[in-house]
């Protein structure tokens, strides 16, 4: 088993973000993200992006290495900051081409690290939303290697059209559900923490930034939810043993 990454945040902070949904239609968010990389993340020892960095990613063959976001990530990793990216429900097709273009390491869901001696479980968060059965079926479909191979074999224009339809269907589906069904299932949180032998979890996906403290088998546990980047930027900073959610104003 690979050694768990371990960080001493008395040295330099470790940062976590998710759900930026970067898209050309929202240039102000792209500018804010690049500024965040150049000013805030450049002072960190590691940056973890826990899914949905992009609004859609139709395959590495469509990437442009001169893209400003990719260039900024490449500059950050070249400066010595460890950059890790987890696939989300919108950019699950991120692959080695993206990794090579940015210097970022791709992570699978359920990644474990250690912060100041505390084991922490990292997820995108969609696997915790088990009450949304239709979404879980869709997730299983698009994560299937055979489906992905067939999808990537299609022309880029067809993939873009599919991604647009999928976003529309997702919005329609979400609007038809009780809001509680779109949130994480507490029993799923407890089950995964028990399986992984931890009491601390960081994830995104739900766009509901908060620090949830609870008891698990008679002992304190904590789940931190990262915010999205729609009306503001949002990140979690772990520094000198303290964990704090912070916001960034749009430029």
Protein backbone atom coordinates (compact mmCIF):
# COMPACT_ATOMS: atom_id res chain seq x y z
CA UNK A 1 0.00 0.00 0.00
CA UNK A 2 1.42 3.45 -0.95
CA UNK A 3 2.52 5.62 1.94
CA UNK A 4 -0.13 8.12 3.00
CA UNK A 5 0.91 11.72 2.15
CA UNK A 6 1.62 13.51 5.42
CA UNK A 7 1.78 17.28 5.96
CA UNK A 8 3.03 19.48 8.77
CA UNK A 9 0.99 22.65 8.36
CA UNK A 10 3.26 24.59 10.71
CA UNK A 11 5.60 24.73 7.72
CA UNK A 12 3.26 25.92 5.00
CA UNK A 13 -0.51 25.61 4.53
CA UNK A 14 -2.38 22.93 2.60
CA UNK A 15 -5.33 24.16 0.52
CA UNK A 16 -8.51 22.47 -0.72
CA UNK A 17 -10.99 23.65 -3.37
CA UNK A 18 -13.73 22.10 -5.49
CA UNK A 19 -16.66 22.86 -7.76
CA UNK A 20 -15.18 25.76 -9.69
CA UNK A 21 -17.06 24.67 -12.85
CA UNK A 22 -14.69 26.74 -14.97
CA UNK A 23 -16.22 27.71 -18.30
CA UNK A 24 -15.54 30.37 -20.91
CA UNK A 25 -18.98 31.82 -20.24
CA UNK A 26 -17.78 32.94 -16.78
CA UNK A 27 -14.44 34.69 -17.40
CA UNK A 28 -14.57 36.43 -14.01
CA UNK A 29 -14.29 33.06 -12.24
CA UNK A 30 -11.37 32.05 -14.44
CA UNK A 31 -9.59 35.31 -13.58
CA UNK A 32 -10.25 34.77 -9.87
CA UNK A 33 -8.93 31.21 -10.01
CA UNK A 34 -5.73 32.24 -11.79
CA UNK A 35 -5.20 34.99 -9.23
CA UNK A 36 -5.79 32.46 -6.44
CA UNK A 37 -3.15 30.17 -7.93
CA UNK A 38 -0.62 32.98 -8.34
CA UNK A 39 -1.10 34.65 -4.97
CA UNK A 40 -2.61 32.24 -2.41
CA UNK A 41 -1.77 28.76 -3.66
CA UNK A 42 1.81 29.76 -4.48
CA UNK A 43 2.43 30.05 -0.72
CA UNK A 44 1.14 26.54 0.01
CA UNK A 45 2.92 23.22 0.07
CA UNK A 46 0.00 21.46 -1.62
CA UNK A 47 -3.26 22.27 -3.41
CA UNK A 48 -6.02 19.66 -3.62
CA UNK A 49 -8.79 20.20 -6.19
CA UNK A 50 -11.57 17.79 -5.24
CA UNK A 51 -13.56 17.56 -8.44
CA UNK A 52 -15.50 19.68 -10.94
CA UNK A 53 -12.64 22.00 -11.74
CA UNK A 54 -14.30 22.35 -15.15
CA UNK A 55 -17.94 22.69 -16.11
CA UNK A 56 -17.33 19.96 -18.69
CA UNK A 57 -14.34 17.98 -19.92
CA UNK A 58 -14.97 16.02 -23.09
CA UNK A 59 -11.55 14.36 -23.28
CA UNK A 60 -7.86 15.18 -23.15
CA UNK A 61 -7.68 15.27 -26.96
CA UNK A 62 -9.65 18.53 -26.81
CA UNK A 63 -7.29 20.34 -24.44
CA UNK A 64 -5.23 23.33 -25.48
CA UNK A 65 -1.88 23.52 -23.69
CA UNK A 66 -1.88 27.30 -24.13
CA UNK A 67 -5.12 27.62 -22.17
CA UNK A 68 -4.67 30.16 -19.35
CA UNK A 69 -5.96 27.79 -16.66
CA UNK A 70 -3.68 24.95 -17.72
CA UNK A 71 -0.73 27.34 -17.97
CA UNK A 72 -1.39 28.70 -14.46
CA UNK A 73 -1.60 25.19 -13.01
CA UNK A 74 1.60 24.25 -14.83
CA UNK A 75 3.38 27.31 -13.43
CA UNK A 76 2.21 26.48 -9.90
CA UNK A 77 3.42 22.89 -10.02
CA UNK A 78 6.70 23.99 -11.64
CA UNK A 79 7.22 26.37 -8.70
CA UNK A 80 7.25 23.42 -6.33
CA UNK A 81 3.66 23.34 -5.08
CA UNK A 82 2.22 19.81 -5.18
CA UNK A 83 -1.05 19.93 -7.16
CA UNK A 84 -3.60 17.12 -6.96
CA UNK A 85 -6.83 16.90 -8.95
CA UNK A 86 -9.75 14.56 -8.30
CA UNK A 87 -12.29 13.90 -11.02
CA UNK A 88 -15.81 15.18 -10.36
CA UNK A 89 -19.19 14.48 -11.90
CA UNK A 90 -18.58 17.11 -14.61
CA UNK A 91 -14.93 16.39 -15.47
CA UNK A 92 -14.72 12.63 -14.94
CA UNK A 93 -12.83 12.25 -18.24
CA UNK A 94 -9.73 14.07 -17.04
CA UNK A 95 -6.79 11.87 -17.97
CA UNK A 96 -3.05 11.64 -18.29
CA UNK A 97 -2.98 14.29 -21.02
CA UNK A 98 -4.33 16.82 -18.55
CA UNK A 99 -1.86 15.64 -15.94
CA UNK A 100 1.09 16.01 -18.31
CA UNK A 101 -0.07 19.46 -19.44
CA UNK A 102 -0.41 20.82 -15.90
CA UNK A 103 2.00 18.83 -13.75
CA UNK A 104 -0.95 17.89 -11.52
CA UNK A 105 -1.37 14.37 -10.18
CA UNK A 106 -4.78 12.77 -10.71
CA UNK A 107 -6.43 11.18 -7.69
CA UNK A 108 -9.08 8.51 -7.42
CA UNK A 109 -12.02 9.01 -5.09
CA UNK A 110 -11.46 8.01 -1.45
CA UNK A 111 -7.94 9.39 -1.16
CA UNK A 112 -6.31 9.44 2.26
CA UNK A 113 -3.83 11.99 3.59
CA UNK A 114 -2.55 13.04 6.99
CA UNK A 115 -2.72 16.62 8.27
CA UNK A 116 -0.67 17.30 11.39
CA UNK A 117 -0.92 13.66 12.37
CA UNK A 118 -4.67 13.43 11.71
CA UNK A 119 -5.85 10.98 9.00
CA UNK A 120 -8.26 12.68 6.58
CA UNK A 121 -10.41 11.14 3.85
CA UNK A 122 -10.84 13.14 0.62
CA UNK A 123 -13.74 12.64 -1.81
CA UNK A 124 -15.54 14.59 -4.49
CA UNK A 125 -18.73 13.89 -2.56
CA UNK A 126 -21.18 12.56 -5.13
CA UNK A 127 -20.80 8.97 -3.92
CA UNK A 128 -22.25 10.10 -0.58
CA UNK A 129 -25.53 11.25 -2.18
CA UNK A 130 -26.99 7.75 -2.17
CA UNK A 131 -30.62 8.88 -1.83
CA UNK A 132 -30.47 10.16 -5.43
CA UNK A 133 -30.76 6.74 -7.03
CA UNK A 134 -31.13 8.03 -10.60
CA UNK A 135 -27.90 10.01 -10.34
CA UNK A 136 -26.01 7.03 -8.91
CA UNK A 137 -27.11 4.98 -11.93
CA UNK A 138 -25.88 7.71 -14.26
CA UNK A 139 -22.58 7.89 -12.39
CA UNK A 140 -22.04 4.15 -12.70
CA UNK A 141 -22.74 4.38 -16.45
CA UNK A 142 -20.31 7.21 -17.27
CA UNK A 143 -17.56 5.78 -15.06
CA UNK A 144 -17.66 2.47 -16.94
CA UNK A 145 -14.47 2.13 -19.06
CA UNK A 146 -16.43 0.73 -22.03
CA UNK A 147 -18.83 3.69 -22.03
CA UNK A 148 -15.92 6.11 -21.81
CA UNK A 149 -14.08 4.44 -24.69
CA UNK A 150 -17.16 4.65 -26.90
CA UNK A 151 -17.78 8.27 -25.91
CA UNK A 152 -14.18 9.35 -26.57
CA UNK A 153 -14.34 7.72 -30.01
CA UNK A 154 -17.06 10.19 -31.05
CA UNK A 155 -16.16 13.50 -32.77
CA UNK A 156 -15.64 16.44 -30.35
CA UNK A 157 -18.77 18.21 -31.62
CA UNK A 158 -20.92 15.22 -30.68
CA UNK A 159 -19.29 15.02 -27.26
CA UNK A 160 -19.91 18.72 -26.63
CA UNK A 161 -23.56 18.32 -27.61
CA UNK A 162 -23.92 15.34 -25.26
CA UNK A 163 -22.35 17.30 -22.39
CA UNK A 164 -24.75 20.19 -22.96
CA UNK A 165 -27.77 17.85 -22.95
CA UNK A 166 -26.50 16.12 -19.84
CA UNK A 167 -26.24 19.45 -18.00
CA UNK A 168 -29.78 20.35 -19.02
CA UNK A 169 -31.11 16.98 -17.88
CA UNK A 170 -29.21 17.28 -14.62
CA UNK A 171 -30.73 20.70 -13.90
CA UNK A 172 -34.20 19.38 -14.71
CA UNK A 173 -33.68 16.32 -12.53
CA UNK A 174 -32.36 18.33 -9.58
CA UNK A 175 -35.26 20.79 -9.72
CA UNK A 176 -37.75 17.92 -9.48
CA UNK A 177 -36.26 16.44 -6.29
CA UNK A 178 -36.67 17.37 -2.66
CA UNK A 179 -33.54 19.33 -1.76
CA UNK A 180 -32.75 16.86 1.03
CA UNK A 181 -32.35 14.05 -1.51
CA UNK A 182 -29.55 15.99 -3.22
CA UNK A 183 -27.48 16.21 -0.05
CA UNK A 184 -25.24 13.51 1.39
CA UNK A 185 -26.72 10.58 3.24
CA UNK A 186 -25.42 10.58 6.85
CA UNK A 187 -25.36 6.80 6.99
CA UNK A 188 -23.17 6.73 3.89
CA UNK A 189 -20.77 9.16 5.56
CA UNK A 190 -20.57 6.98 8.68
CA UNK A 191 -20.14 3.80 6.65
CA UNK A 192 -17.26 5.14 4.56
CA UNK A 193 -15.47 6.59 7.58
CA UNK A 194 -15.74 3.23 9.35
CA UNK A 195 -14.51 1.37 6.29
CA UNK A 196 -11.55 3.72 5.91
CA UNK A 197 -10.78 3.86 9.62
CA UNK A 198 -11.01 7.64 9.89
CA UNK A 199 -12.98 10.40 11.60
CA UNK A 200 -12.26 13.37 9.35
CA UNK A 201 -13.60 13.94 5.83
CA UNK A 202 -13.31 16.74 3.27
CA UNK A 203 -15.48 16.83 0.14
CA UNK A 204 -17.31 19.08 -2.29
CA UNK A 205 -20.13 18.44 -4.80
CA UNK A 206 -23.13 19.67 -2.79
CA UNK A 207 -22.16 23.38 -2.95
CA UNK A 208 -23.06 23.74 0.73
CA UNK A 209 -19.89 24.89 2.52
CA UNK A 210 -19.98 24.00 6.19
CA UNK A 211 -18.17 22.27 9.02
CA UNK A 212 -20.23 19.38 10.38
CA UNK A 213 -19.20 17.97 13.76
CA UNK A 214 -20.83 14.77 14.97
CA UNK A 215 -20.24 11.60 16.92
CA UNK A 216 -19.18 8.36 15.27
CA UNK A 217 -19.29 5.29 17.48
CA UNK A 218 -19.04 7.43 20.58
CA UNK A 219 -16.09 9.56 19.45
CA UNK A 220 -15.98 13.03 17.79
CA UNK A 221 -15.84 13.19 13.99
CA UNK A 222 -15.83 15.99 11.44
CA UNK A 223 -16.97 16.50 7.84
CA UNK A 224 -15.96 19.66 5.99
CA UNK A 225 -17.88 20.60 2.83
CA UNK A 226 -16.13 22.87 0.33
CA UNK A 227 -17.98 25.70 -1.38
CA UNK A 228 -18.53 26.33 -5.08
CA UNK A 229 -17.15 29.19 -7.20
CA UNK A 230 -20.31 30.74 -8.58
CA UNK A 231 -21.01 33.94 -6.63
CA UNK A 232 -17.58 33.93 -4.94
CA UNK A 233 -14.45 31.86 -4.61
CA UNK A 234 -14.18 29.39 -1.75
CA UNK A 235 -11.35 27.39 -0.24
CA UNK A 236 -10.30 25.52 2.88
CA UNK A 237 -6.95 26.40 4.41
CA UNK A 238 -5.23 24.06 6.86
CA UNK A 239 -2.46 25.95 8.63
CA UNK A 240 -0.76 25.53 12.00
CA UNK A 241 -3.23 22.85 12.97
CA UNK A 242 -6.30 25.01 12.25
CA UNK A 243 -8.82 24.36 9.46
CA UNK A 244 -10.80 27.31 8.13
CA UNK A 245 -13.20 27.87 5.23
CA UNK A 246 -12.59 31.19 3.46
CA UNK A 247 -14.23 33.13 0.64
CA UNK A 248 -12.83 35.21 -2.22
CA UNK A 249 -14.68 38.09 -3.83
CA UNK A 250 -15.14 37.92 -7.58
CA UNK A 251 -12.89 40.27 -9.53
